[in-house]
PDB file of N, CA and C in Angstrom:
ATOM      1  N   MET A   1      52.440   3.917  14.480  1.00  0.00           N
ATOM      2  CA  MET A   1      52.393   4.324  15.863  1.00  0.00           C
ATOM      3  C   MET A   1      50.950   4.227  16.342  1.00  0.00           C
ATOM      4  N   LYS A   2      50.716   3.532  17.425  1.00  0.00           N
ATOM      5  CA  LYS A   2      49.359   3.244  17.863  1.00  0.00           C
ATOM      6  C   LYS A   2      48.757   4.335  18.743  1.00  0.00           C
ATOM      7  N   ILE A   3      49.589   5.125  19.393  1.00  0.00           N
ATOM      8  CA  ILE A   3      49.083   6.194  20.256  1.00  0.00           C
ATOM      9  C   ILE A   3      48.929   7.463  19.423  1.00  0.00           C
ATOM     10  N   LYS A   4      47.770   8.101  19.566  1.00  0.00           N
ATOM     11  CA  LYS A   4      47.447   9.292  18.787  1.00  0.00           C
ATOM     12  C   LYS A   4      47.224  10.490  19.705  1.00  0.00           C
ATOM     13  N   LYS A   5      47.242  11.680  19.120  1.00  0.00           N
ATOM     14  CA  LYS A   5      46.967  12.914  19.852  1.00  0.00           C
ATOM     15  C   LYS A   5      45.544  12.858  20.403  1.00  0.00           C
ATOM     16  N   GLY A   6      45.385  13.228  21.673  1.00  0.00           N
ATOM     17  CA  GLY A   6      44.067  13.232  22.302  1.00  0.00           C
ATOM     18  C   GLY A   6      43.750  11.977  23.099  1.00  0.00           C
ATOM     19  N   ASP A   7      44.576  10.932  22.999  1.00  0.00           N
ATOM     20  CA  ASP A   7      44.355   9.711  23.774  1.00  0.00           C
ATOM     21  C   ASP A   7      44.665   9.946  25.245  1.00  0.00           C
ATOM     22  N   ASN A   8      43.935   9.249  26.125  1.00  0.00           N
ATOM     23  CA  ASN A   8      44.250   9.279  27.553  1.00  0.00           C
ATOM     24  C   ASN A   8      45.236   8.159  27.836  1.00  0.00           C
ATOM     25  N   VAL A   9      46.350   8.507  28.486  1.00  0.00           N
ATOM     26  CA  VAL A   9      47.394   7.527  28.771  1.00  0.00           C
ATOM     27  C   VAL A   9      47.782   7.582  30.240  1.00  0.00           C
ATOM     28  N   LYS A  10      48.432   6.519  30.686  1.00  0.00           N
ATOM     29  CA  LYS A  10      48.965   6.459  32.049  1.00  0.00           C
ATOM     30  C   LYS A  10      50.445   6.153  31.943  1.00  0.00           C
ATOM     31  N   ILE A  11      51.257   6.862  32.726  1.00  0.00           N
ATOM     32  CA  ILE A  11      52.700   6.645  32.717  1.00  0.00           C
ATOM     33  C   ILE A  11      53.006   5.441  33.590  1.00  0.00           C
ATOM     34  N   ILE A  12      53.775   4.498  33.059  1.00  0.00           N
ATOM     35  CA  ILE A  12      54.034   3.259  33.794  1.00  0.00           C
ATOM     36  C   ILE A  12      55.427   3.207  34.415  1.00  0.00           C
ATOM     37  N   THR A  13      56.346   4.081  33.996  1.00  0.00           N
ATOM     38  CA  THR A  13      57.676   4.122  34.606  1.00  0.00           C
ATOM     39  C   THR A  13      58.141   5.567  34.742  1.00  0.00           C
ATOM     40  N   GLY A  14      59.131   5.782  35.586  1.00  0.00           N
ATOM     41  CA  GLY A  14      59.712   7.106  35.746  1.00  0.00           C
ATOM     42  C   GLY A  14      59.182   7.834  36.956  1.00  0.00           C
ATOM     43  N   LYS A  15      59.531   9.110  37.052  1.00  0.00           N
ATOM     44  CA  LYS A  15      59.179   9.892  38.242  1.00  0.00           C
ATOM     45  C   LYS A  15      57.689  10.172  38.355  1.00  0.00           C
ATOM     46  N   ASP A  16      56.970  10.174  37.240  1.00  0.00           N
ATOM     47  CA  ASP A  16      55.535  10.423  37.250  1.00  0.00           C
ATOM     48  C   ASP A  16      54.717   9.148  37.076  1.00  0.00           C
ATOM     49  N   SER A  17      55.281   8.006  37.432  1.00  0.00           N
ATOM     50  CA  SER A  17      54.575   6.747  37.196  1.00  0.00           C
ATOM     51  C   SER A  17      53.267   6.705  37.984  1.00  0.00           C
ATOM     52  N   GLY A  18      52.227   6.186  37.339  1.00  0.00           N
ATOM     53  CA  GLY A  18      50.913   6.085  37.962  1.00  0.00           C
ATOM     54  C   GLY A  18      50.000   7.253  37.676  1.00  0.00           C
ATOM     55  N   LYS A  19      50.511   8.312  37.048  1.00  0.00           N
ATOM     56  CA  LYS A  19      49.687   9.483  36.757  1.00  0.00           C
ATOM     57  C   LYS A  19      49.090   9.373  35.354  1.00  0.00           C
ATOM     58  N   LYS A  20      47.898   9.953  35.206  1.00  0.00           N
ATOM     59  CA  LYS A  20      47.203   9.917  33.920  1.00  0.00           C
ATOM     60  C   LYS A  20      47.190  11.302  33.295  1.00  0.00           C
ATOM     61  N   GLY A  21      47.135  11.317  31.975  1.00  0.00           N
ATOM     62  CA  GLY A  21      47.063  12.579  31.255  1.00  0.00           C
ATOM     63  C   GLY A  21      46.669  12.372  29.811  1.00  0.00           C
ATOM     64  N   LYS A  22      46.490  13.492  29.112  1.00  0.00           N
ATOM     65  CA  LYS A  22      46.069  13.475  27.719  1.00  0.00           C
ATOM     66  C   LYS A  22      47.279  13.761  26.832  1.00  0.00           C
ATOM     67  N   VAL A  23      47.391  13.050  25.716  1.00  0.00           N
ATOM     68  CA  VAL A  23      48.513  13.234  24.796  1.00  0.00           C
ATOM     69  C   VAL A  23      48.304  14.543  24.039  1.00  0.00           C
ATOM     70  N   LEU A  24      49.302  15.445  24.142  1.00  0.00           N
ATOM     71  CA  LEU A  24      49.241  16.720  23.439  1.00  0.00           C
ATOM     72  C   LEU A  24      49.873  16.628  22.058  1.00  0.00           C
ATOM     73  N   LYS A  25      50.959  15.865  21.964  1.00  0.00           N
ATOM     74  CA  LYS A  25      51.709  15.806  20.711  1.00  0.00           C
ATOM     75  C   LYS A  25      52.404  14.456  20.604  1.00  0.00           C
ATOM     76  N   VAL A  26      52.479  13.930  19.395  1.00  0.00           N
ATOM     77  CA  VAL A  26      53.167  12.673  19.136  1.00  0.00           C
ATOM     78  C   VAL A  26      54.324  12.961  18.192  1.00  0.00           C
ATOM     79  N   LEU A  27      55.519  12.463  18.555  1.00  0.00           N
ATOM     80  CA  LEU A  27      56.711  12.640  17.729  1.00  0.00           C
ATOM     81  C   LEU A  27      57.133  11.277  17.193  1.00  0.00           C
ATOM     82  N   PRO A  28      56.595  10.850  16.027  1.00  0.00           N
ATOM     83  CA  PRO A  28      56.833   9.484  15.559  1.00  0.00           C
ATOM     84  C   PRO A  28      58.274   9.190  15.159  1.00  0.00           C
ATOM     85  N   LYS A  29      58.994  10.172  14.658  1.00  0.00           N
ATOM     86  CA  LYS A  29      60.388   9.932  14.249  1.00  0.00           C
ATOM     87  C   LYS A  29      61.281   9.647  15.447  1.00  0.00           C
ATOM     88  N   GLU A  30      60.947  10.260  16.583  1.00  0.00           N
ATOM     89  CA  GLU A  30      61.746  10.079  17.798  1.00  0.00           C
ATOM     90  C   GLU A  30      61.147   9.040  18.739  1.00  0.00           C
ATOM     91  N   ASN A  31      59.978   8.485  18.411  1.00  0.00           N
ATOM     92  CA  ASN A  31      59.279   7.518  19.264  1.00  0.00           C
ATOM     93  C   ASN A  31      58.932   8.117  20.626  1.00  0.00           C
ATOM     94  N   LYS A  32      58.433   9.354  20.636  1.00  0.00           N
ATOM     95  CA  LYS A  32      58.134  10.045  21.885  1.00  0.00           C
ATOM     96  C   LYS A  32      56.753  10.671  21.843  1.00  0.00           C
ATOM     97  N   VAL A  33      56.214  10.922  23.034  1.00  0.00           N
ATOM     98  CA  VAL A  33      54.935  11.621  23.177  1.00  0.00           C
ATOM     99  C   VAL A  33      55.087  12.706  24.229  1.00  0.00           C
ATOM    100  N   ILE A  34      54.246  13.731  24.130  1.00  0.00           N
ATOM    101  CA  ILE A  34      54.195  14.786  25.141  1.00  0.00           C
ATOM    102  C   ILE A  34      52.826  14.701  25.791  1.00  0.00           C
ATOM    103  N   VAL A  35      52.820  14.541  27.127  1.00  0.00           N
ATOM    104  CA  VAL A  35      51.580  14.354  27.879  1.00  0.00           C
ATOM    105  C   VAL A  35      51.298  15.615  28.690  1.00  0.00           C
ATOM    106  N   GLU A  36      50.037  16.035  28.665  1.00  0.00           N
ATOM    107  CA  GLU A  36      49.614  17.272  29.313  1.00  0.00           C
ATOM    108  C   GLU A  36      49.810  17.218  30.828  1.00  0.00           C
ATOM    109  N   GLY A  37      50.585  18.168  31.362  1.00  0.00           N
ATOM    110  CA  GLY A  37      50.754  18.298  32.805  1.00  0.00           C
ATOM    111  C   GLY A  37      51.678  17.295  33.464  1.00  0.00           C
ATOM    112  N   LEU A  38      52.353  16.445  32.694  1.00  0.00           N
ATOM    113  CA  LEU A  38      53.246  15.440  33.263  1.00  0.00           C
ATOM    114  C   LEU A  38      54.647  15.583  32.683  1.00  0.00           C
ATOM    115  N   ASN A  39      55.637  15.084  33.432  1.00  0.00           N
ATOM    116  CA  ASN A  39      57.041  15.177  33.054  1.00  0.00           C
ATOM    117  C   ASN A  39      57.436  16.639  32.826  1.00  0.00           C
ATOM    118  N   LEU A  40      57.083  17.490  33.800  1.00  0.00           N
ATOM    119  CA  LEU A  40      57.306  18.931  33.663  1.00  0.00           C
ATOM    120  C   LEU A  40      58.773  19.292  33.869  1.00  0.00           C
ATOM    121  N   ARG A  41      59.238  20.214  33.066  1.00  0.00           N
ATOM    122  CA  ARG A  41      60.584  20.756  33.171  1.00  0.00           C
ATOM    123  C   ARG A  41      60.469  22.248  33.424  1.00  0.00           C
ATOM    124  N   ILE A  42      61.525  22.837  34.002  1.00  0.00           N
ATOM    125  CA  ILE A  42      61.540  24.268  34.295  1.00  0.00           C
ATOM    126  C   ILE A  42      62.606  24.932  33.437  1.00  0.00           C
ATOM    127  N   LYS A  43      62.220  26.046  32.820  1.00  0.00           N
ATOM    128  CA  LYS A  43      63.152  26.791  31.983  1.00  0.00           C
ATOM    129  C   LYS A  43      63.173  28.228  32.494  1.00  0.00           C
ATOM    130  N   ASN A  44      64.358  28.754  32.762  1.00  0.00           N
ATOM    131  CA  ASN A  44      64.487  30.130  33.216  1.00  0.00           C
ATOM    132  C   ASN A  44      64.585  31.046  32.004  1.00  0.00           C
ATOM    133  N   THR A  45      63.790  32.128  32.015  1.00  0.00           N
ATOM    134  CA  THR A  45      63.826  33.082  30.910  1.00  0.00           C
ATOM    135  C   THR A  45      64.360  34.414  31.400  1.00  0.00           C
ATOM    136  N   LYS A  46      65.089  35.058  30.522  1.00  0.00           N
ATOM    137  CA  LYS A  46      65.651  36.369  30.848  1.00  0.00           C
ATOM    138  C   LYS A  46      64.593  37.448  30.647  1.00  0.00           C
ATOM    139  N   PRO A  47      64.728  38.571  31.365  1.00  0.00           N
ATOM    140  CA  PRO A  47      63.795  39.676  31.130  1.00  0.00           C
ATOM    141  C   PRO A  47      64.028  40.273  29.744  1.00  0.00           C
ATOM    142  N   LYS A  48      62.944  40.626  29.045  1.00  0.00           N
ATOM    143  CA  LYS A  48      63.069  41.164  27.693  1.00  0.00           C
ATOM    144  C   LYS A  48      63.083  42.691  27.688  1.00  0.00           C
ATOM    145  N   LYS A  49      62.399  43.296  28.646  1.00  0.00           N
ATOM    146  CA  LYS A  49      62.362  44.751  28.727  1.00  0.00           C
ATOM    147  C   LYS A  49      63.024  45.197  30.018  1.00  0.00           C
ATOM    148  N   GLU A  50      63.444  46.428  30.047  1.00  0.00           N
ATOM    149  CA  GLU A  50      64.065  46.967  31.250  1.00  0.00           C
ATOM    150  C   GLU A  50      63.010  47.113  32.343  1.00  0.00           C
ATOM    151  N   GLY A  51      63.343  46.705  33.557  1.00  0.00           N
ATOM    152  CA  GLY A  51      62.411  46.769  34.674  1.00  0.00           C
ATOM    153  C   GLY A  51      61.561  45.505  34.817  1.00  0.00           C
ATOM    154  N   GLU A  52      61.611  44.646  33.851  1.00  0.00           N
ATOM    155  CA  GLU A  52      60.865  43.393  33.912  1.00  0.00           C
ATOM    156  C   GLU A  52      61.720  42.340  34.612  1.00  0.00           C
ATOM    157  N   LYS A  53      61.061  41.400  35.271  1.00  0.00           N
ATOM    158  CA  LYS A  53      61.792  40.344  35.951  1.00  0.00           C
ATOM    159  C   LYS A  53      61.874  39.101  35.073  1.00  0.00           C
ATOM    160  N   GLY A  54      62.890  38.297  35.336  1.00  0.00           N
ATOM    161  CA  GLY A  54      62.983  37.005  34.671  1.00  0.00           C
ATOM    162  C   GLY A  54      61.952  36.053  35.253  1.00  0.00           C
ATOM    163  N   GLN A  55      61.623  35.008  34.514  1.00  0.00           N
ATOM    164  CA  GLN A  55      60.590  34.074  34.970  1.00  0.00           C
ATOM    165  C   GLN A  55      61.072  32.643  34.885  1.00  0.00           C
ATOM    166  N   ARG A  56      60.358  31.796  35.599  1.00  0.00           N
ATOM    167  CA  ARG A  56      60.584  30.345  35.498  1.00  0.00           C
ATOM    168  C   ARG A  56      59.363  29.761  34.813  1.00  0.00           C
ATOM    169  N   MET A  57      59.557  29.206  33.640  1.00  0.00           N
ATOM    170  CA  MET A  57      58.449  28.624  32.884  1.00  0.00           C
ATOM    171  C   MET A  57      58.461  27.111  33.047  1.00  0.00           C
ATOM    172  N   GLN A  58      57.280  26.544  33.242  1.00  0.00           N
ATOM    173  CA  GLN A  58      57.152  25.088  33.291  1.00  0.00           C
ATOM    174  C   GLN A  58      56.545  24.624  31.984  1.00  0.00           C
ATOM    175  N   PHE A  59      57.104  23.559  31.426  1.00  0.00           N
ATOM    176  CA  PHE A  59      56.559  22.999  30.195  1.00  0.00           C
ATOM    177  C   PHE A  59      56.702  21.485  30.233  1.00  0.00           C
ATOM    178  N   PRO A  60      55.784  20.753  29.587  1.00  0.00           N
ATOM    179  CA  PRO A  60      55.879  19.294  29.570  1.00  0.00           C
ATOM    180  C   PRO A  60      56.950  18.834  28.582  1.00  0.00           C
ATOM    181  N   ALA A  61      57.838  17.974  29.037  1.00  0.00           N
ATOM    182  CA  ALA A  61      58.884  17.419  28.180  1.00  0.00           C
ATOM    183  C   ALA A  61      58.386  16.108  27.578  1.00  0.00           C
ATOM    184  N   SER A  62      59.089  15.635  26.571  1.00  0.00           N
ATOM    185  CA  SER A  62      58.651  14.413  25.888  1.00  0.00           C
ATOM    186  C   SER A  62      59.044  13.168  26.679  1.00  0.00           C
ATOM    187  N   LEU A  63      58.264  12.115  26.496  1.00  0.00           N
ATOM    188  CA  LEU A  63      58.489  10.809  27.122  1.00  0.00           C
ATOM    189  C   LEU A  63      58.641   9.774  26.023  1.00  0.00           C
ATOM    190  N   ASN A  64      59.394   8.730  26.301  1.00  0.00           N
ATOM    191  CA  ASN A  64      59.458   7.630  25.354  1.00  0.00           C
ATOM    192  C   ASN A  64      58.104   6.929  25.323  1.00  0.00           C
ATOM    193  N   ILE A  65      57.721   6.519  24.147  1.00  0.00           N
ATOM    194  CA  ILE A  65      56.389   5.926  23.973  1.00  0.00           C
ATOM    195  C   ILE A  65      56.247   4.594  24.705  1.00  0.00           C
ATOM    196  N   SER A  66      57.365   3.941  24.986  1.00  0.00           N
ATOM    197  CA  SER A  66      57.305   2.666  25.697  1.00  0.00           C
ATOM    198  C   SER A  66      57.008   2.856  27.184  1.00  0.00           C
ATOM    199  N   ASN A  67      57.058   4.085  27.677  1.00  0.00           N
ATOM    200  CA  ASN A  67      56.808   4.361  29.087  1.00  0.00           C
ATOM    201  C   ASN A  67      55.364   4.738  29.383  1.00  0.00           C
ATOM    202  N   VAL A  68      54.488   4.716  28.369  1.00  0.00           N
ATOM    203  CA  VAL A  68      53.082   5.035  28.576  1.00  0.00           C
ATOM    204  C   VAL A  68      52.207   3.918  28.008  1.00  0.00           C
ATOM    205  N   MET A  69      51.010   3.775  28.605  1.00  0.00           N
ATOM    206  CA  MET A  69      50.017   2.825  28.093  1.00  0.00           C
ATOM    207  C   MET A  69      48.678   3.528  27.986  1.00  0.00           C
ATOM    208  N   ILE A  70      47.906   3.126  26.990  1.00  0.00           N
ATOM    209  CA  ILE A  70      46.594   3.714  26.761  1.00  0.00           C
ATOM    210  C   ILE A  70      45.609   3.228  27.815  1.00  0.00           C
ATOM    211  N   VAL A  71      44.735   4.127  28.251  1.00  0.00           N
ATOM    212  CA  VAL A  71      43.637   3.781  29.143  1.00  0.00           C
ATOM    213  C   VAL A  71      42.399   3.644  28.257  1.00  0.00           C
ATOM    214  N   CYS A  72      41.783   2.455  28.269  1.00  0.00           N
ATOM    215  CA  CYS A  72      40.601   2.191  27.445  1.00  0.00           C
ATOM    216  C   CYS A  72      39.435   3.038  27.948  1.00  0.00           C
ATOM    217  N   PRO A  73      38.763   3.789  27.072  1.00  0.00           N
ATOM    218  CA  PRO A  73      37.632   4.600  27.522  1.00  0.00           C
ATOM    219  C   PRO A  73      36.413   3.768  27.936  1.00  0.00           C
ATOM    220  N   LYS A  74      36.317   2.542  27.467  1.00  0.00           N
ATOM    221  CA  LYS A  74      35.153   1.694  27.782  1.00  0.00           C
ATOM    222  C   LYS A  74      35.344   0.948  29.108  1.00  0.00           C
ATOM    223  N   CYS A  75      36.472   0.196  29.217  1.00  0.00           N
ATOM    224  CA  CYS A  75      36.659  -0.632  30.420  1.00  0.00           C
ATOM    225  C   CYS A  75      37.525   0.055  31.475  1.00  0.00           C
ATOM    226  N   GLY A  76      38.238   1.135  31.130  1.00  0.00           N
ATOM    227  CA  GLY A  76      39.018   1.889  32.104  1.00  0.00           C
ATOM    228  C   GLY A  76      40.320   1.239  32.519  1.00  0.00           C
ATOM    229  N   LYS A  77      40.758   0.197  31.812  1.00  0.00           N
ATOM    230  CA  LYS A  77      41.986  -0.505  32.157  1.00  0.00           C
ATOM    231  C   LYS A  77      43.117  -0.098  31.222  1.00  0.00           C
ATOM    232  N   LEU A  78      44.348  -0.361  31.672  1.00  0.00           N
ATOM    233  CA  LEU A  78      45.502  -0.157  30.797  1.00  0.00           C
ATOM    234  C   LEU A  78      45.522  -1.287  29.787  1.00  0.00           C
ATOM    235  N   VAL A  79      45.597  -0.943  28.515  1.00  0.00           N
ATOM    236  CA  VAL A  79      45.460  -1.959  27.478  1.00  0.00           C
ATOM    237  C   VAL A  79      46.509  -1.804  26.387  1.00  0.00           C
ATOM    238  N   ARG A  80      46.699  -2.916  25.678  1.00  0.00           N
ATOM    239  CA  ARG A  80      47.435  -2.882  24.426  1.00  0.00           C
ATOM    240  C   ARG A  80      46.405  -2.700  23.322  1.00  0.00           C
ATOM    241  N   LEU A  81      46.841  -2.178  22.209  1.00  0.00           N
ATOM    242  CA  LEU A  81      45.926  -1.920  21.111  1.00  0.00           C
ATOM    243  C   LEU A  81      46.130  -2.919  19.987  1.00  0.00           C
ATOM    244  N   GLY A  82      45.055  -3.217  19.301  1.00  0.00           N
ATOM    245  CA  GLY A  82      45.108  -4.035  18.106  1.00  0.00           C
ATOM    246  C   GLY A  82      44.354  -3.320  17.008  1.00  0.00           C
ATOM    247  N   TYR A  83      44.389  -3.876  15.820  1.00  0.00           N
ATOM    248  CA  TYR A  83      43.673  -3.294  14.697  1.00  0.00           C
ATOM    249  C   TYR A  83      42.653  -4.289  14.173  1.00  0.00           C
ATOM    250  N   LYS A  84      41.571  -3.743  13.623  1.00  0.00           N
ATOM    251  CA  LYS A  84      40.513  -4.580  13.072  1.00  0.00           C
ATOM    252  C   LYS A  84      39.925  -3.832  11.887  1.00  0.00           C
ATOM    253  N   GLU A  85      39.592  -4.588  10.833  1.00  0.00           N
ATOM    254  CA  GLU A  85      38.953  -3.969   9.679  1.00  0.00           C
ATOM    255  C   GLU A  85      37.454  -4.114   9.794  1.00  0.00           C
ATOM    256  N   LEU A  86      36.747  -3.010   9.602  1.00  0.00           N
ATOM    257  CA  LEU A  86      35.292  -3.048   9.599  1.00  0.00           C
ATOM    258  C   LEU A  86      34.818  -3.490   8.218  1.00  0.00           C
ATOM    259  N   ASN A  87      33.530  -3.720   8.088  1.00  0.00           N
ATOM    260  CA  ASN A  87      33.000  -4.234   6.830  1.00  0.00           C
ATOM    261  C   ASN A  87      33.135  -3.256   5.663  1.00  0.00           C
ATOM    262  N   ASN A  88      33.332  -1.969   5.930  1.00  0.00           N
ATOM    263  CA  ASN A  88      33.521  -1.005   4.851  1.00  0.00           C
ATOM    264  C   ASN A  88      35.011  -0.720   4.603  1.00  0.00           C
ATOM    265  N   ASP A  89      35.878  -1.693   4.924  1.00  0.00           N
ATOM    266  CA  ASP A  89      37.335  -1.613   4.705  1.00  0.00           C
ATOM    267  C   ASP A  89      37.990  -0.452   5.442  1.00  0.00           C
ATOM    268  N   LYS A  90      37.443  -0.084   6.581  1.00  0.00           N
ATOM    269  CA  LYS A  90      38.050   0.948   7.413  1.00  0.00           C
ATOM    270  C   LYS A  90      38.791   0.265   8.550  1.00  0.00           C
ATOM    271  N   LYS A  91      40.052   0.654   8.760  1.00  0.00           N
ATOM    272  CA  LYS A  91      40.890   0.060   9.800  1.00  0.00           C
ATOM    273  C   LYS A  91      40.743   0.882  11.081  1.00  0.00           C
ATOM    274  N   VAL A  92      40.372   0.238  12.193  1.00  0.00           N
ATOM    275  CA  VAL A  92      40.175   0.938  13.464  1.00  0.00           C
ATOM    276  C   VAL A  92      41.013   0.286  14.552  1.00  0.00           C
ATOM    277  N   ARG A  93      41.292   1.076  15.594  1.00  0.00           N
ATOM    278  CA  ARG A  93      42.020   0.547  16.755  1.00  0.00           C
ATOM    279  C   ARG A  93      41.032  -0.078  17.717  1.00  0.00           C
ATOM    280  N   ILE A  94      41.412  -1.221  18.301  1.00  0.00           N
ATOM    281  CA  ILE A  94      40.537  -1.881  19.267  1.00  0.00           C
ATOM    282  C   ILE A  94      41.317  -2.188  20.542  1.00  0.00           C
ATOM    283  N   CYS A  95      40.578  -2.262  21.647  1.00  0.00           N
ATOM    284  CA  CYS A  95      41.120  -2.662  22.941  1.00  0.00           C
ATOM    285  C   CYS A  95      41.301  -4.180  22.920  1.00  0.00           C
ATOM    286  N   LYS A  96      42.446  -4.667  23.331  1.00  0.00           N
ATOM    287  CA  LYS A  96      42.700  -6.109  23.336  1.00  0.00           C
ATOM    288  C   LYS A  96      41.933  -6.836  24.439  1.00  0.00           C
ATOM    289  N   LYS A  97      41.492  -6.097  25.488  1.00  0.00           N
ATOM    290  CA  LYS A  97      40.791  -6.753  26.604  1.00  0.00           C
ATOM    291  C   LYS A  97      39.289  -6.830  26.374  1.00  0.00           C
ATOM    292  N   CYS A  98      38.676  -5.715  25.972  1.00  0.00           N
ATOM    293  CA  CYS A  98      37.211  -5.722  25.846  1.00  0.00           C
ATOM    294  C   CYS A  98      36.738  -5.715  24.393  1.00  0.00           C
ATOM    295  N   GLU A  99      37.679  -5.708  23.441  1.00  0.00           N
ATOM    296  CA  GLU A  99      37.365  -5.775  22.001  1.00  0.00           C
ATOM    297  C   GLU A  99      36.511  -4.624  21.508  1.00  0.00           C
ATOM    298  N   GLU A 100      36.514  -3.471  22.209  1.00  0.00           N
ATOM    299  CA  GLU A 100      35.748  -2.300  21.794  1.00  0.00           C
ATOM    300  C   GLU A 100      36.619  -1.385  20.951  1.00  0.00           C
ATOM    301  N   VAL A 101      35.988  -0.642  20.053  1.00  0.00           N
ATOM    302  CA  VAL A 101      36.687   0.313  19.189  1.00  0.00           C
ATOM    303  C   VAL A 101      37.080   1.527  20.023  1.00  0.00           C
ATOM    304  N   ILE A 102      38.319   1.983  19.849  1.00  0.00           N
ATOM    305  CA  ILE A 102      38.811   3.169  20.569  1.00  0.00           C
ATOM    306  C   ILE A 102      38.785   4.360  19.634  1.00  0.00           C
TER     307      ILE A 102
END
């Protein structure tokens, strides 16, 4: 999976298309990511104590990984990622457009 926690991504399809956010969690088995502040869902909670009111909680729901693209920190464009081995046999992710390490 090429997208990691902490990456800046932009949503390319769906109701939040065009918005940017930071990846909070990656779910590799399900091929999904959770992006901070985007794809929000509302959950109603019951009151737990007497005299307390119920609440509406907003939380970010997961998105399919094919619906987001990484924003390159160097060139600022939406990019695909590639891999490159450095001279010390370390594998790093690179931007396909500007060839910079991400």
